[in-house]
Amino acid sequence: MTTVPRNIMLPTIIQGGMGVGVSNWPLARAVARAGHLGVVSGTALDTVFVRRLQDGDPGGHVRRAIEHFPIAHVGEDALKRYFLPNGRAAAQPYKMLPMYKQHVSVARQQVTMLANFVEVYLAREGHDGLVGVNLLTKVQLPNLASLCGAMLAGVDYVLMGAGIPREIPGVLDALSEHRTASMKFDVEGMPAGESEVLSFDPAAHGVEQSMPMKRPKFIAIVAATSLAATLAKKANGHVDGFVVEGPTAGGHNAPPRGEQKLNERGEPIYGERDVVDLARIAELGLPFWIAGGAGSPKALVDALVAGAAGVQVGTLFAYCEESGIAESLKREVLAHAALGDLDVVTDPRASPTGYPFKVVRWAGDNADGPRRERKCDLGYLRTAYRDADGRIGYRCPAEPVDAYVKKGGALEDTEGRECLCNGLTANIGQPQVRSGGIEEPPLLTSGDDLLGIQNFLGTRTTYTASDVIDYLMGR
């Protein structure tokens, strides 16, 4: 097999920023050390961070990184509040962080800053490779503090999709110059001509002028040529490139364009209108990478021929030894892959965001068993709304139905919704413990590449990030 040529100026492979905690620092570090772009997920990272501390911080990695956070008292406070030297007792619930709102305390923002600093610091430790952070545009409230923390750790790239991140380039410019960063806060029910704003002043959170925050490169994740063109021309700062993601990618997908139809399995039907014109993307004059079904040597070669700088790959990295998926869950999925009884379903209803969401199913996964108790206590996917009295409230269609409807939400919006926040956290071995010692069940997501992973595995039952890179590069 022909070895894929390397572009020494740009990463050929971008490791997908899979949340919550799947794209962790060990995975990103392994990919970056191999000469490609390793990416940590910033989604719900503050919760992942405090739960690691409550589990005793195995290996002491989190505490080692905390020692390098330039605002010393923030790390000291986090250790006092959350670190349990011997870990939690059996069936002991995790101590929770307050849910985000438009205005939260300085201390709450600083935990988010610290969590992102720690993850990026550990991913960058011991090498000079490239490290990025992936955030969701939809999860607005923590993003300014997340970006500040990642930039204090020297993050090289910021990647964002799940929305239109038009204001993020300007945010990165402001933070790199130690200025207050602001962006529009999306609130349902706002009167015409009125708007709300999210602001973050680094100085108010202890960031001094002497603390360097270089401006990372910004890559927007897009599923349409028109969105790429809009961002290239109308973003409030420089866009450095695009990841062009197709509907076979894991996690959230963009909904089909035009009339919404479902196949016999109840999945959205994508057509020619959903195929991105790569020639028009290339005409924008910015680097781009192909994602969604790109986890093969042929896909990488095809991407390069089409003018792309390379590919973004998630699914193959998700099940390697370094990823954050709980080992027992990882082994179970790979065992079922060997048996050929895995399925990946694009569920149009599961996600509270309203975007189609990929869900992994296999024999015996108890998907038809009792559904989890509806409870919204992490709140990252809550939507802000303005009530009749002009106050801002927060609701999620995966929360208890009565509560959602009482807040003005439509009853039909609650049908089939899953709590992604708690389900995805359970995927990485951090399930919240409910009454009776019952743990939150996992809700696993992957791209369609999972269905063919046995072709990559061969006779192996485990593999490393380096194995994935060697395979993709044709070695």
Protein backbone atom coordinates (compact mmCIF):
# COMPACT_ATOMS: atom_id res chain seq x y z
CA MET A 1 0.00 0.00 0.00
CA THR A 2 1.30 3.46 -0.90
CA THR A 3 2.30 5.61 2.06
CA VAL A 4 0.30 8.83 2.30
CA PRO A 5 2.47 11.96 1.85
CA ARG A 6 2.71 14.37 4.79
CA ASN A 7 2.08 18.11 4.59
CA ILE A 8 4.56 19.39 7.15
CA MET A 9 2.73 22.72 7.45
CA LEU A 10 -0.67 21.28 8.42
CA PRO A 11 -1.81 18.17 10.28
CA THR A 12 -2.85 15.38 7.94
CA ILE A 13 -4.97 13.69 10.59
CA ILE A 14 -7.16 15.50 13.09
CA GLN A 15 -8.31 13.24 15.91
CA GLY A 16 -12.00 13.89 16.54
CA GLY A 17 -12.99 15.88 19.62
CA MET A 18 -15.40 13.34 21.04
CA GLY A 19 -17.26 14.28 24.20
CA VAL A 20 -17.90 13.80 27.01
CA GLY A 21 -14.34 12.83 28.01
CA VAL A 22 -13.79 10.29 25.21
CA SER A 23 -11.21 12.55 23.59
CA ASN A 24 -9.22 12.86 26.79
CA TRP A 25 -5.69 14.06 27.36
CA PRO A 26 -3.98 10.63 26.99
CA LEU A 27 -5.55 10.19 23.54
CA ALA A 28 -4.79 13.71 22.37
CA ARG A 29 -1.24 13.45 23.68
CA ALA A 30 -0.63 10.15 21.84
CA VAL A 31 -1.88 11.61 18.55
CA ALA A 32 0.07 14.85 18.95
CA ARG A 33 3.28 12.97 19.75
CA ALA A 34 2.82 11.06 16.49
CA GLY A 35 2.88 14.31 14.53
CA HIS A 36 -0.84 14.94 14.00
CA LEU A 37 -3.45 17.11 15.71
CA GLY A 38 -4.54 15.64 19.03
CA VAL A 39 -7.82 17.08 20.31
CA VAL A 40 -9.34 17.12 23.79
CA SER A 41 -13.07 17.54 24.25
CA GLY A 42 -14.07 20.55 26.32
CA THR A 43 -17.72 19.49 26.55
CA ALA A 44 -18.75 19.12 30.22
CA LEU A 45 -15.05 19.04 31.07
CA ASP A 46 -15.58 20.83 34.38
CA THR A 47 -17.80 17.96 35.54
CA VAL A 48 -15.30 15.35 34.27
CA PHE A 49 -12.55 17.22 36.14
CA VAL A 50 -14.25 17.33 39.54
CA ARG A 51 -15.30 13.69 39.23
CA ARG A 52 -11.72 12.65 38.55
CA LEU A 53 -10.75 14.37 41.78
CA GLN A 54 -13.56 12.63 43.66
CA ASP A 55 -12.35 9.29 42.29
CA GLY A 56 -8.96 9.94 43.89
CA ASP A 57 -7.07 11.27 40.83
CA PRO A 58 -5.38 7.94 39.93
CA GLY A 59 -1.77 8.55 38.95
CA GLY A 60 -1.87 12.08 40.35
CA HIS A 61 -2.03 13.61 36.86
CA VAL A 62 -4.74 16.16 37.60
CA ARG A 63 -2.96 17.39 40.71
CA ARG A 64 0.33 17.63 38.82
CA ALA A 65 -1.27 19.87 36.20
CA ILE A 66 -3.06 21.97 38.83
CA GLU A 67 0.34 22.94 40.24
CA HIS A 68 1.07 24.75 36.96
CA PHE A 69 -2.19 26.74 36.79
CA PRO A 70 -1.07 30.37 37.06
CA ILE A 71 -3.85 31.39 39.49
CA ALA A 72 -2.79 29.33 42.49
CA HIS A 73 -5.80 29.76 44.79
CA VAL A 74 -8.16 28.34 42.15
CA GLY A 75 -6.43 24.97 42.21
CA GLU A 76 -6.21 25.02 46.00
CA ASP A 77 -9.94 25.67 46.29
CA ALA A 78 -10.79 22.89 43.84
CA LEU A 79 -8.71 20.38 45.78
CA LYS A 80 -10.33 21.38 49.07
CA ARG A 81 -13.82 21.04 47.62
CA TYR A 82 -13.54 17.94 45.48
CA PHE A 83 -10.40 15.85 46.03
CA LEU A 84 -10.93 12.60 47.92
CA PRO A 85 -7.52 10.93 48.51
CA ASN A 86 -9.05 7.46 48.74
CA GLY A 87 -11.80 8.06 46.20
CA ARG A 88 -15.51 7.85 46.80
CA ALA A 89 -17.05 5.18 48.96
CA ALA A 90 -19.07 2.47 47.22
CA ALA A 91 -22.38 3.81 45.88
CA GLN A 92 -21.49 7.35 46.99
CA PRO A 93 -22.95 9.94 44.59
CA TYR A 94 -20.67 12.52 43.01
CA LYS A 95 -20.72 16.01 44.43
CA MET A 96 -22.20 18.27 41.78
CA LEU A 97 -21.18 21.62 40.35
CA PRO A 98 -23.86 24.33 40.17
CA MET A 99 -25.52 24.33 36.75
CA TYR A 100 -24.50 27.14 34.42
CA LYS A 101 -26.62 30.24 33.95
CA GLN A 102 -26.04 33.52 32.16
CA HIS A 103 -24.51 34.92 35.32
CA VAL A 104 -22.60 32.63 37.68
CA SER A 105 -19.99 33.22 40.34
CA VAL A 106 -16.35 33.90 39.59
CA ALA A 107 -15.49 30.67 41.41
CA ARG A 108 -17.80 28.65 39.12
CA GLN A 109 -16.16 30.10 36.02
CA GLN A 110 -12.71 29.45 37.45
CA VAL A 111 -13.43 25.73 37.88
CA THR A 112 -14.20 25.62 34.16
CA MET A 113 -11.02 27.53 33.35
CA LEU A 114 -8.98 25.18 35.53
CA ALA A 115 -10.53 22.04 34.02
CA ASN A 116 -9.68 23.11 30.48
CA PHE A 117 -6.20 24.22 31.49
CA VAL A 118 -5.49 20.85 33.12
CA GLU A 119 -6.70 18.85 30.11
CA VAL A 120 -4.72 20.86 27.58
CA TYR A 121 -1.64 21.03 29.82
CA LEU A 122 -1.56 17.23 30.19
CA ALA A 123 -2.17 16.72 26.47
CA ARG A 124 0.78 19.02 25.64
CA GLU A 125 3.12 17.64 28.28
CA GLY A 126 6.45 16.20 27.13
CA HIS A 127 6.37 16.94 23.38
CA ASP A 128 6.11 19.80 20.87
CA GLY A 129 3.21 18.44 18.82
CA LEU A 130 -0.13 20.16 18.14
CA VAL A 131 -3.05 20.03 20.56
CA GLY A 132 -6.56 21.38 20.03
CA VAL A 133 -9.74 21.70 22.05
CA ASN A 134 -13.20 20.90 20.68
CA LEU A 135 -16.24 22.79 21.98
CA LEU A 136 -19.90 22.83 20.94
CA THR A 137 -21.34 26.13 19.81
CA LYS A 138 -24.72 24.95 21.15
CA VAL A 139 -23.32 24.66 24.70
CA GLN A 140 -22.82 28.41 25.00
CA LEU A 141 -22.60 29.10 28.70
CA PRO A 142 -19.23 27.52 29.63
CA ASN A 143 -17.44 28.32 26.36
CA LEU A 144 -15.80 31.65 27.22
CA ALA A 145 -14.28 30.33 30.44
CA SER A 146 -13.33 27.08 28.66
CA LEU A 147 -11.47 28.96 25.93
CA CYS A 148 -9.64 31.12 28.45
CA GLY A 149 -8.44 28.08 30.40
CA ALA A 150 -7.33 26.24 27.27
CA MET A 151 -5.47 29.31 26.02
CA LEU A 152 -3.66 29.71 29.35
CA ALA A 153 -2.34 26.18 28.73
CA GLY A 154 -1.14 27.10 25.23
CA VAL A 155 -3.74 25.30 23.10
CA ASP A 156 -2.83 25.37 19.38
CA TYR A 157 -6.26 24.92 17.77
CA VAL A 158 -9.90 25.51 18.66
CA LEU A 159 -12.49 23.45 16.77
CA MET A 160 -16.21 24.20 17.02
CA GLY A 161 -19.38 22.95 15.34
CA ALA A 162 -22.97 22.14 16.40
CA GLY A 163 -24.11 25.61 15.46
CA ILE A 164 -22.75 28.70 13.74
CA PRO A 165 -19.60 29.83 15.58
CA ARG A 166 -19.46 33.21 13.85
CA GLU A 167 -18.37 35.13 16.95
CA ILE A 168 -15.68 32.75 18.21
CA PRO A 169 -12.80 34.16 16.10
CA GLY A 170 -13.41 37.56 17.70
CA VAL A 171 -13.55 35.95 21.14
CA LEU A 172 -10.15 34.36 20.55
CA ASP A 173 -8.75 37.71 19.41
CA ALA A 174 -10.04 39.45 22.53
CA LEU A 175 -8.81 36.81 24.98
CA SER A 176 -5.37 36.70 23.37
CA GLU A 177 -5.13 40.46 24.00
CA HIS A 178 -6.48 40.12 27.57
CA ARG A 179 -9.61 42.06 26.64
CA THR A 180 -13.20 41.31 27.66
CA ALA A 181 -14.72 38.78 25.27
CA SER A 182 -18.43 38.91 24.45
CA MET A 183 -20.91 37.07 22.28
CA LYS A 184 -24.65 36.99 21.75
CA PHE A 185 -26.56 34.75 24.17
CA ASP A 186 -29.30 32.77 22.43
CA VAL A 187 -32.58 33.18 24.34
CA GLU A 188 -35.90 31.91 23.01
CA GLY A 189 -38.78 34.39 23.11
CA MET A 190 -36.73 37.57 22.96
CA PRO A 191 -38.68 40.55 21.54
CA ALA A 192 -37.53 41.85 18.17
CA GLY A 193 -34.63 44.25 18.48
CA GLU A 194 -33.56 43.00 21.92
CA SER A 195 -30.71 40.64 22.72
CA GLU A 196 -28.72 39.21 25.61
CA VAL A 197 -24.94 38.94 25.88
CA LEU A 198 -22.42 36.62 27.49
CA SER A 199 -19.24 38.38 28.62
CA PHE A 200 -15.97 37.27 30.13
CA ASP A 201 -13.29 39.61 31.49
CA PRO A 202 -10.02 37.70 32.03
CA ALA A 203 -8.82 40.21 34.62
CA ALA A 204 -11.93 39.65 36.76
CA HIS A 205 -11.00 35.97 36.91
CA GLY A 206 -7.41 36.50 37.97
CA VAL A 207 -5.72 36.49 34.55
CA GLU A 208 -2.90 39.02 34.57
CA GLN A 209 -1.29 40.70 31.57
CA SER A 210 1.91 38.77 32.26
CA MET A 211 0.14 35.44 31.69
CA PRO A 212 0.58 34.58 27.98
CA MET A 213 -2.48 33.57 25.95
CA LYS A 214 -1.49 33.08 22.31
CA ARG A 215 -4.27 33.22 19.74
CA PRO A 216 -4.98 29.61 18.64
CA LYS A 217 -5.99 28.77 15.10
CA PHE A 218 -9.74 28.41 14.66
CA ILE A 219 -11.33 25.60 12.65
CA ALA A 220 -15.09 25.61 12.12
CA ILE A 221 -16.89 22.29 11.72
CA VAL A 222 -19.46 22.64 8.94
CA ALA A 223 -21.92 20.45 7.04
CA ALA A 224 -22.82 22.87 4.24
CA THR A 225 -20.91 24.90 1.68
CA SER A 226 -23.05 27.96 2.43
CA LEU A 227 -22.09 27.89 6.12
CA ALA A 228 -18.40 27.67 5.28
CA ALA A 229 -18.73 30.61 2.91
CA THR A 230 -20.61 32.67 5.49
CA LEU A 231 -18.00 32.03 8.16
CA ALA A 232 -15.11 32.75 5.81
CA LYS A 233 -16.58 36.11 4.83
CA LYS A 234 -18.65 37.28 7.79
CA ALA A 235 -17.09 35.90 10.97
CA ASN A 236 -15.91 38.63 13.33
CA GLY A 237 -12.29 37.46 13.07
CA HIS A 238 -10.07 35.15 11.05
CA VAL A 239 -11.19 31.58 10.34
CA ASP A 240 -8.20 29.30 9.75
CA GLY A 241 -9.96 26.36 8.13
CA PHE A 242 -12.89 23.96 8.10
CA VAL A 243 -13.72 20.41 9.00
CA VAL A 244 -16.36 19.33 6.48
CA GLU A 245 -18.48 16.74 8.29
CA GLY A 246 -20.88 14.32 6.63
CA PRO A 247 -23.94 12.63 8.22
CA THR A 248 -22.07 9.36 8.86
CA ALA A 249 -20.07 11.01 11.66
CA GLY A 250 -20.79 10.13 15.28
CA GLY A 251 -22.54 12.29 17.85
CA HIS A 252 -24.74 15.09 16.51
CA ASN A 253 -25.36 15.42 12.78
CA ALA A 254 -26.82 18.33 10.90
CA PRO A 255 -30.45 17.61 9.93
CA PRO A 256 -31.16 16.91 6.24
CA ARG A 257 -31.76 19.96 4.11
CA GLY A 258 -35.24 20.44 2.73
CA GLU A 259 -38.21 18.22 3.53
CA GLN A 260 -37.62 15.98 6.54
CA LYS A 261 -38.31 12.32 5.74
CA LEU A 262 -37.56 9.13 7.66
CA ASN A 263 -36.62 5.68 6.39
CA GLU A 264 -38.18 2.41 7.55
CA ARG A 265 -35.88 2.44 10.61
CA GLY A 266 -37.10 5.89 11.61
CA GLU A 267 -33.83 7.59 10.59
CA PRO A 268 -33.53 10.89 8.70
CA ILE A 269 -32.99 10.47 4.98
CA TYR A 270 -30.08 12.43 3.53
CA GLY A 271 -29.90 13.23 -0.18
CA GLU A 272 -27.87 15.05 -2.79
CA ARG A 273 -28.62 18.42 -1.22
CA ASP A 274 -26.67 17.29 1.85
CA VAL A 275 -23.50 16.51 -0.11
CA VAL A 276 -20.95 19.28 0.34
CA ASP A 277 -19.37 20.60 -2.86
CA LEU A 278 -15.68 20.24 -2.02
CA ALA A 279 -14.61 22.20 -5.08
CA ARG A 280 -16.54 25.22 -3.77
CA ILE A 281 -15.01 24.71 -0.32
CA ALA A 282 -11.56 24.72 -1.93
CA GLU A 283 -12.38 28.00 -3.70
CA LEU A 284 -12.62 29.71 -0.30
CA GLY A 285 -8.84 29.43 -0.13
CA LEU A 286 -8.67 27.98 3.38
CA PRO A 287 -7.46 24.54 4.47
CA PHE A 288 -10.14 21.93 5.04
CA TRP A 289 -10.37 18.38 6.33
CA ILE A 290 -12.99 15.71 5.54
CA ALA A 291 -14.88 14.04 8.40
CA GLY A 292 -17.60 11.39 8.63
CA GLY A 293 -16.71 8.01 7.14
CA ALA A 294 -13.10 9.15 6.68
CA GLY A 295 -11.48 6.43 8.80
CA SER A 296 -9.62 4.51 6.09
CA PRO A 297 -6.46 4.93 3.98
CA LYS A 298 -8.59 5.25 0.83
CA ALA A 299 -10.70 8.00 2.41
CA LEU A 300 -7.54 9.90 3.28
CA VAL A 301 -6.13 9.58 -0.24
CA ASP A 302 -9.48 10.64 -1.72
CA ALA A 303 -9.54 13.67 0.56
CA LEU A 304 -6.07 14.73 -0.50
CA VAL A 305 -6.98 14.31 -4.17
CA ALA A 306 -10.02 16.54 -3.58
CA GLY A 307 -7.74 19.27 -2.27
CA ALA A 308 -8.21 18.69 1.44
CA ALA A 309 -5.34 18.93 3.91
CA GLY A 310 -6.40 15.58 5.35
CA VAL A 311 -9.16 13.98 7.39
CA GLN A 312 -10.71 14.13 10.83
CA VAL A 313 -11.24 10.68 12.35
CA GLY A 314 -13.21 9.91 15.49
CA THR A 315 -14.62 6.39 15.66
CA LEU A 316 -11.36 4.45 15.25
CA PHE A 317 -9.72 6.56 17.95
CA ALA A 318 -12.74 6.22 20.26
CA TYR A 319 -12.05 2.53 20.95
CA CYS A 320 -8.25 2.63 21.19
CA GLU A 321 -6.46 2.00 24.48
CA GLU A 322 -5.88 5.69 25.20
CA SER A 323 -9.46 6.92 24.79
CA GLY A 324 -11.68 7.79 27.73
CA ILE A 325 -14.47 5.24 27.14
CA ALA A 326 -14.72 2.92 30.14
CA GLU A 327 -12.63 -0.20 29.53
CA SER A 328 -15.52 -2.60 30.16
CA LEU A 329 -17.72 -0.76 27.65
CA LYS A 330 -14.89 -0.59 25.11
CA ARG A 331 -14.28 -4.34 25.35
CA GLU A 332 -17.98 -5.11 25.07
CA VAL A 333 -18.41 -3.04 21.91
CA LEU A 334 -15.34 -4.51 20.23
CA ALA A 335 -16.46 -8.03 21.14
CA HIS A 336 -19.84 -7.41 19.52
CA ALA A 337 -18.09 -5.86 16.51
CA ALA A 338 -16.24 -9.16 16.09
CA LEU A 339 -19.60 -10.98 16.15
CA GLY A 340 -21.06 -8.56 13.62
CA ASP A 341 -24.13 -7.72 15.69
CA LEU A 342 -23.53 -4.00 16.23
CA ASP A 343 -25.85 -1.37 14.85
CA VAL A 344 -25.56 2.43 14.62
CA VAL A 345 -28.91 4.20 14.53
CA THR A 346 -29.39 7.85 13.63
CA ASP A 347 -32.06 8.81 16.15
CA PRO A 348 -33.90 12.02 15.22
CA ARG A 349 -35.44 12.33 18.70
CA ALA A 350 -32.82 11.27 21.26
CA SER A 351 -30.92 14.55 21.60
CA PRO A 352 -32.51 17.47 23.47
CA THR A 353 -30.88 19.76 20.90
CA GLY A 354 -33.19 18.61 18.11
CA TYR A 355 -30.24 17.50 15.97
CA PRO A 356 -30.13 13.85 14.82
CA PHE A 357 -27.88 11.83 17.12
CA LYS A 358 -26.03 8.55 16.45
CA VAL A 359 -26.71 5.79 19.01
CA VAL A 360 -24.85 2.45 19.15
CA ARG A 361 -26.97 -0.65 19.70
CA TRP A 362 -26.04 -4.31 20.17
CA ALA A 363 -27.60 -7.54 21.35
CA GLY A 364 -28.22 -7.42 25.09
CA ASP A 365 -27.65 -3.68 25.52
CA ASN A 366 -31.00 -3.37 27.31
CA ALA A 367 -32.14 -0.61 24.97
CA ASP A 368 -35.72 -1.83 25.34
CA GLY A 369 -35.52 -2.00 29.15
CA PRO A 370 -36.88 0.58 31.61
CA ARG A 371 -35.88 4.13 30.65
CA ARG A 372 -33.80 6.19 33.05
CA GLU A 373 -35.56 8.48 35.48
CA ARG A 374 -35.93 11.92 33.97
CA LYS A 375 -33.65 14.29 35.85
CA CYS A 376 -31.74 17.36 34.67
CA ASP A 377 -28.89 18.07 37.07
CA LEU A 378 -25.94 18.75 34.75
CA GLY A 379 -27.80 21.08 32.40
CA TYR A 380 -25.27 21.64 29.62
CA LEU A 381 -27.94 21.27 26.91
CA ARG A 382 -30.58 23.42 28.56
CA THR A 383 -32.09 26.15 26.41
CA ALA A 384 -32.54 29.67 27.76
CA TYR A 385 -35.95 31.27 27.34
CA ARG A 386 -37.61 34.52 28.33
CA ASP A 387 -40.78 34.12 30.37
CA ALA A 388 -43.86 36.34 30.46
CA ASP A 389 -42.34 38.49 33.21
CA GLY A 390 -39.20 39.16 31.18
CA ARG A 391 -36.98 36.87 33.23
CA ILE A 392 -34.59 34.32 31.73
CA GLY A 393 -35.27 30.70 32.60
CA TYR A 394 -33.77 27.39 31.48
CA ARG A 395 -35.42 24.20 30.23
CA CYS A 396 -34.50 20.92 28.57
CA PRO A 397 -36.90 18.52 26.79
CA ALA A 398 -35.14 15.60 28.52
CA GLU A 399 -36.02 16.92 32.00
CA PRO A 400 -39.20 15.78 33.83
CA VAL A 401 -42.11 16.34 31.47
CA ASP A 402 -44.25 18.33 33.91
CA ALA A 403 -41.38 20.68 34.69
CA TYR A 404 -40.64 21.27 31.00
CA VAL A 405 -44.28 21.99 30.13
CA LYS A 406 -44.64 24.28 33.16
CA LYS A 407 -41.76 26.33 31.76
CA GLY A 408 -43.64 26.82 28.50
CA GLY A 409 -42.13 23.91 26.59
CA ALA A 410 -44.28 21.88 24.18
CA LEU A 411 -45.27 18.41 25.37
CA GLU A 412 -44.39 16.82 22.03
CA ASP A 413 -40.82 18.07 22.36
CA THR A 414 -40.26 15.67 25.27
CA GLU A 415 -41.11 12.49 23.37
CA GLY A 416 -38.16 10.14 22.95
CA ARG A 417 -35.62 12.54 24.45
CA GLU A 418 -32.59 11.16 26.30
CA CYS A 419 -30.36 12.87 28.86
CA LEU A 420 -27.14 13.09 26.88
CA CYS A 421 -25.30 14.86 29.71
CA ASN A 422 -25.67 11.96 32.15
CA GLY A 423 -25.54 9.21 29.53
CA LEU A 424 -22.32 10.42 27.93
CA THR A 425 -20.70 10.93 31.34
CA ALA A 426 -21.54 7.31 32.18
CA ASN A 427 -19.69 6.22 29.01
CA ILE A 428 -16.37 7.22 30.57
CA GLY A 429 -16.90 5.44 33.88
CA GLN A 430 -18.32 8.44 35.76
CA PRO A 431 -22.02 7.53 36.13
CA GLN A 432 -23.93 9.46 38.74
CA VAL A 433 -25.33 7.27 41.52
CA ARG A 434 -29.07 7.62 42.03
CA SER A 435 -31.35 6.49 44.88
CA GLY A 436 -30.96 2.83 45.74
CA GLY A 437 -27.39 2.79 44.45
CA ILE A 438 -28.54 2.66 40.82
CA GLU A 439 -26.03 4.14 38.37
CA GLU A 440 -26.91 6.19 35.31
CA PRO A 441 -26.74 3.95 32.20
CA PRO A 442 -24.36 4.77 29.34
CA LEU A 443 -25.57 6.19 26.03
CA LEU A 444 -22.89 5.36 23.48
CA THR A 445 -22.47 7.22 20.20
CA SER A 446 -20.22 6.43 17.24
CA GLY A 447 -20.00 7.08 13.54
CA ASP A 448 -20.96 4.56 10.88
CA ASP A 449 -17.28 3.54 10.64
CA LEU A 450 -17.92 1.41 13.72
CA LEU A 451 -19.87 -1.05 11.56
CA GLY A 452 -16.70 -1.89 9.62
CA ILE A 453 -14.20 -1.69 12.45
CA GLN A 454 -13.55 -5.43 12.26
CA ASN A 455 -11.78 -4.85 8.95
CA PHE A 456 -9.29 -2.71 10.84
CA LEU A 457 -9.13 -4.93 13.93
CA GLY A 458 -8.37 -8.22 12.24
CA THR A 459 -7.51 -10.69 14.99
CA ARG A 460 -6.73 -7.99 17.56
CA THR A 461 -8.94 -7.32 20.55
CA THR A 462 -7.19 -4.06 21.51
CA TYR A 463 -5.16 -1.42 19.69
CA THR A 464 -3.49 1.95 20.23
CA ALA A 465 -3.79 5.43 18.75
CA SER A 466 -0.49 4.78 16.99
CA ASP A 467 -2.03 1.73 15.30
CA VAL A 468 -4.83 3.93 13.96
CA ILE A 469 -2.38 6.47 12.57
CA ASP A 470 -0.22 3.81 10.93
CA TYR A 471 -3.32 2.30 9.31
CA LEU A 472 -4.62 5.62 8.01
CA MET A 473 -1.20 6.63 6.68
CA GLY A 474 -0.86 3.34 4.79
CA ARG A 475 1.99 1.99 6.87
